[in-house]
Protein backbone atom coordinates (compact mmCIF):
# COMPACT_ATOMS: atom_id res chain seq x y z
CA UNK A 1 151.77 291.15 -41.86
CA UNK A 2 150.56 294.64 -41.75
CA UNK A 3 150.58 296.56 -45.33
CA UNK A 4 153.07 299.29 -45.62
CA UNK A 5 152.43 300.54 -49.21
CA UNK A 6 149.34 300.06 -51.93
CA UNK A 7 149.82 300.62 -55.61
CA UNK A 8 146.85 301.54 -57.26
CA UNK A 9 146.08 301.32 -60.80
CA UNK A 10 143.21 302.84 -62.62
CA UNK A 11 141.58 303.40 -66.26
CA UNK A 12 141.55 307.41 -66.28
CA UNK A 13 142.81 310.75 -64.52
CA UNK A 14 139.26 311.20 -62.90
CA UNK A 15 139.43 308.27 -60.86
CA UNK A 16 143.00 309.49 -59.80
CA UNK A 17 142.10 312.82 -58.47
CA UNK A 18 139.31 311.34 -56.72
CA UNK A 19 141.60 308.60 -54.58
CA UNK A 20 144.02 311.09 -54.10
CA UNK A 21 141.38 312.99 -52.07
CA UNK A 22 139.51 309.87 -50.16
CA UNK A 23 142.24 307.22 -49.72
CA UNK A 24 143.89 308.94 -46.94
CA UNK A 25 140.67 308.42 -44.90
CA UNK A 26 140.17 305.07 -45.68
CA UNK A 27 143.72 303.93 -45.29
CA UNK A 28 144.89 306.50 -42.99
CA UNK A 29 148.71 306.80 -42.83
CA UNK A 30 149.78 303.94 -45.37
CA UNK A 31 151.49 305.23 -48.50
CA UNK A 32 150.20 304.59 -51.69
CA UNK A 33 150.73 305.54 -55.64
CA UNK A 34 147.87 306.01 -58.26
CA UNK A 35 148.82 305.38 -61.78
CA UNK A 36 146.37 306.81 -64.25
CA UNK A 37 145.77 305.53 -67.70
CA UNK A 38 144.48 307.52 -70.52
CA UNK A 39 141.27 304.93 -71.02
CA UNK A 40 139.75 300.83 -69.72
CA UNK A 41 141.10 299.82 -72.76
CA UNK A 42 144.32 301.13 -72.59
CA UNK A 43 144.74 299.69 -68.48
CA UNK A 44 143.62 296.02 -69.94
CA UNK A 45 145.93 296.05 -72.55
CA UNK A 46 148.89 297.06 -70.43
CA UNK A 47 147.81 295.39 -67.01
CA UNK A 48 149.41 291.81 -67.83
CA UNK A 49 152.70 292.75 -68.86
CA UNK A 50 152.60 295.15 -65.62
CA UNK A 51 151.65 292.42 -62.99
CA UNK A 52 154.24 290.27 -64.44
CA UNK A 53 156.76 293.02 -63.69
CA UNK A 54 155.69 293.35 -60.25
CA UNK A 55 155.73 289.82 -59.90
CA UNK A 56 159.27 289.77 -59.74
CA UNK A 57 159.83 292.37 -57.28
CA UNK A 58 156.65 293.15 -55.08
CA UNK A 59 157.45 293.32 -51.16
CA UNK A 60 155.35 291.04 -49.30
CA UNK A 61 154.18 294.25 -47.47
CA UNK A 62 152.72 296.09 -50.72
CA UNK A 63 149.92 295.21 -52.26
CA UNK A 64 148.04 296.34 -55.78
CA UNK A 65 144.56 297.41 -56.63
CA UNK A 66 143.21 297.37 -59.94
CA UNK A 67 140.12 299.72 -60.02
CA UNK A 68 138.27 299.82 -63.46
CA UNK A 69 134.77 300.71 -64.47
CA UNK A 70 132.19 298.01 -64.87
CA UNK A 71 130.76 300.44 -68.15
CA UNK A 72 128.74 297.91 -70.29
CA UNK A 73 130.25 295.07 -69.47
CA UNK A 74 129.16 291.98 -67.57
CA UNK A 75 130.02 292.34 -64.15
CA UNK A 76 131.31 288.42 -63.56
CA UNK A 77 133.15 288.50 -66.86
CA UNK A 78 134.89 291.37 -66.38
CA UNK A 79 136.09 290.34 -62.62
CA UNK A 80 137.17 286.99 -64.06
CA UNK A 81 139.27 288.71 -66.67
CA UNK A 82 140.77 290.69 -64.22
CA UNK A 83 141.45 287.67 -61.87
CA UNK A 84 142.59 285.58 -64.51
CA UNK A 85 145.36 288.26 -65.29
CA UNK A 86 146.86 288.02 -61.82
CA UNK A 87 146.62 284.88 -61.88
CA UNK A 88 149.08 284.35 -65.03
CA UNK A 89 151.23 286.56 -63.42
CA UNK A 90 151.33 284.29 -59.87
CA UNK A 91 150.27 287.07 -57.89
CA UNK A 92 147.24 285.96 -55.58
CA UNK A 93 143.95 287.88 -55.33
CA UNK A 94 141.63 287.11 -52.37
CA UNK A 95 139.54 285.11 -54.46
CA UNK A 96 142.12 282.41 -55.06
CA UNK A 97 143.98 282.88 -51.57
CA UNK A 98 142.38 279.88 -49.85
CA UNK A 99 143.50 282.01 -46.42
CA UNK A 100 147.03 283.04 -48.02
CA UNK A 101 148.06 286.40 -47.93
CA UNK A 102 147.13 288.01 -51.08
CA UNK A 103 149.10 290.34 -53.72
CA UNK A 104 146.43 292.12 -55.81
CA UNK A 105 142.74 293.29 -55.49
CA UNK A 106 140.50 293.52 -58.04
CA UNK A 107 137.76 296.10 -57.74
CA UNK A 108 134.65 297.52 -60.44
CA UNK A 109 133.04 300.87 -60.46
CA UNK A 110 129.32 300.04 -61.17
CA UNK A 111 128.81 301.38 -64.17
CA UNK A 112 131.42 304.13 -63.64
CA UNK A 113 133.21 306.64 -61.32
CA UNK A 114 130.14 308.98 -61.15
CA UNK A 115 128.02 306.35 -59.76
CA UNK A 116 130.33 306.93 -56.23
CA UNK A 117 129.13 310.59 -56.35
CA UNK A 118 125.31 309.85 -56.47
CA UNK A 119 126.06 307.23 -53.44
CA UNK A 120 127.33 310.69 -51.64
CA UNK A 121 125.22 313.05 -53.09
CA UNK A 122 125.99 315.64 -49.62
CA UNK A 123 129.36 315.76 -50.96
CA UNK A 124 128.19 316.49 -54.54
CA UNK A 125 126.19 319.69 -53.22
CA UNK A 126 128.70 320.75 -50.84
CA UNK A 127 130.71 321.91 -53.91
CA UNK A 128 128.12 322.66 -56.04
CA UNK A 129 125.02 323.98 -53.83
CA UNK A 130 123.04 324.89 -56.67
CA UNK A 131 121.91 321.11 -57.21
CA UNK A 132 118.80 319.84 -55.88
CA UNK A 133 118.80 318.27 -52.73
CA UNK A 134 116.54 315.29 -53.18
CA UNK A 135 117.97 313.59 -55.89
CA UNK A 136 119.17 310.59 -54.17
CA UNK A 137 114.84 310.22 -53.36
CA UNK A 138 113.97 310.45 -57.03
CA UNK A 139 112.96 307.02 -58.99
CA UNK A 140 116.00 306.02 -61.27
CA UNK A 141 118.71 307.21 -58.24
CA UNK A 142 117.90 305.48 -55.36
CA UNK A 143 120.37 302.98 -56.03
CA UNK A 144 123.40 304.49 -57.66
CA UNK A 145 124.69 301.42 -59.26
CA UNK A 146 121.60 300.68 -61.10
CA UNK A 147 121.42 304.43 -62.98
CA UNK A 148 120.28 303.65 -66.62
CA UNK A 149 121.24 305.57 -69.57
CA UNK A 150 124.69 306.41 -68.29
CA UNK A 151 125.77 307.79 -64.83
CA UNK A 152 127.90 310.29 -65.90
CA UNK A 153 125.41 311.38 -68.66
CA UNK A 154 122.94 311.19 -66.11
CA UNK A 155 125.10 313.61 -64.01
CA UNK A 156 126.44 315.96 -66.53
CA UNK A 157 122.01 316.63 -66.90
CA UNK A 158 121.71 317.21 -63.44
CA UNK A 159 124.65 319.66 -63.65
CA UNK A 160 123.84 321.81 -66.67
CA UNK A 161 119.98 322.27 -65.29
CA UNK A 162 121.59 323.79 -62.37
CA UNK A 163 123.67 326.08 -64.23
CA UNK A 164 127.15 324.06 -64.23
CA UNK A 165 129.08 322.14 -66.46
CA UNK A 166 127.16 324.17 -69.96
CA UNK A 167 129.70 323.39 -72.22
CA UNK A 168 130.08 319.84 -70.93
CA UNK A 169 130.98 317.50 -67.53
CA UNK A 170 134.77 317.95 -67.01
CA UNK A 171 135.90 314.82 -65.08
CA UNK A 172 139.11 315.91 -63.24
CA UNK A 173 137.78 319.21 -62.33
CA UNK A 174 134.58 317.57 -60.80
CA UNK A 175 136.54 314.76 -58.84
CA UNK A 176 138.54 317.25 -57.17
CA UNK A 177 135.86 319.30 -56.34
CA UNK A 178 133.61 316.55 -55.29
CA UNK A 179 136.20 314.07 -53.39
CA UNK A 180 137.48 316.24 -50.60
CA UNK A 181 133.65 316.40 -49.41
CA UNK A 182 133.02 312.64 -49.53
CA UNK A 183 132.80 310.44 -46.18
CA UNK A 184 133.36 307.06 -47.07
CA UNK A 185 130.76 305.89 -44.29
CA UNK A 186 127.84 307.16 -45.83
CA UNK A 187 128.27 306.27 -48.97
CA UNK A 188 125.56 304.15 -50.74
CA UNK A 189 126.77 302.66 -53.74
CA UNK A 190 127.64 299.08 -53.35
CA UNK A 191 130.24 299.07 -55.60
CA UNK A 192 132.08 302.20 -53.46
CA UNK A 193 131.29 300.15 -50.01
CA UNK A 194 133.26 297.00 -51.57
CA UNK A 195 135.94 299.10 -52.74
CA UNK A 196 136.28 300.84 -49.30
CA UNK A 197 136.10 297.39 -47.41
CA UNK A 198 139.12 295.84 -49.46
CA UNK A 199 140.75 299.09 -48.84
CA UNK A 200 140.35 299.22 -44.77
CA UNK A 201 140.81 295.85 -44.62
CA UNK A 202 144.32 296.50 -45.85
CA UNK A 203 144.87 299.24 -42.74
């Protein structure tokens, strides 16, 4: 059965802004809606009740995608927590599907959304041309998902050195500037590749 609509649940407005620009390039003409929260804690607190609500009426050709930042959490434990919330609501994920059609896909941004920007540095530089072009070749930045010390903090430092965001990184503005330039196929972030592959599979 083809997917007609995707409900995307995210933890903050900057991810919403990024996905509104990115998703049409990944899923084509499939309709979607993005629902942001104020924080990761709020999303995790509200998600069980929301999933139980979806379970009462979700059409068979709709899918739910939950995207959260890993931050400092253990990757496997956080994914297991999300999978259990879906199972408790009697919604099927690909992990638990056994070949059946699934309803919920859980994906992590590792360690956070800004790693996806480092994974497509050409998109960042297109929005902010004073930035150095060789950041991805530097030690500590070659694997976007392994940048230490906080991904958004690292990006903020680079931006400020090039005289952008002098009063601090404005994440929604950044998402709106960078995401329209991003090309999913060239992104080197493993967590972005996993997210993009899951979305493309629905298309």
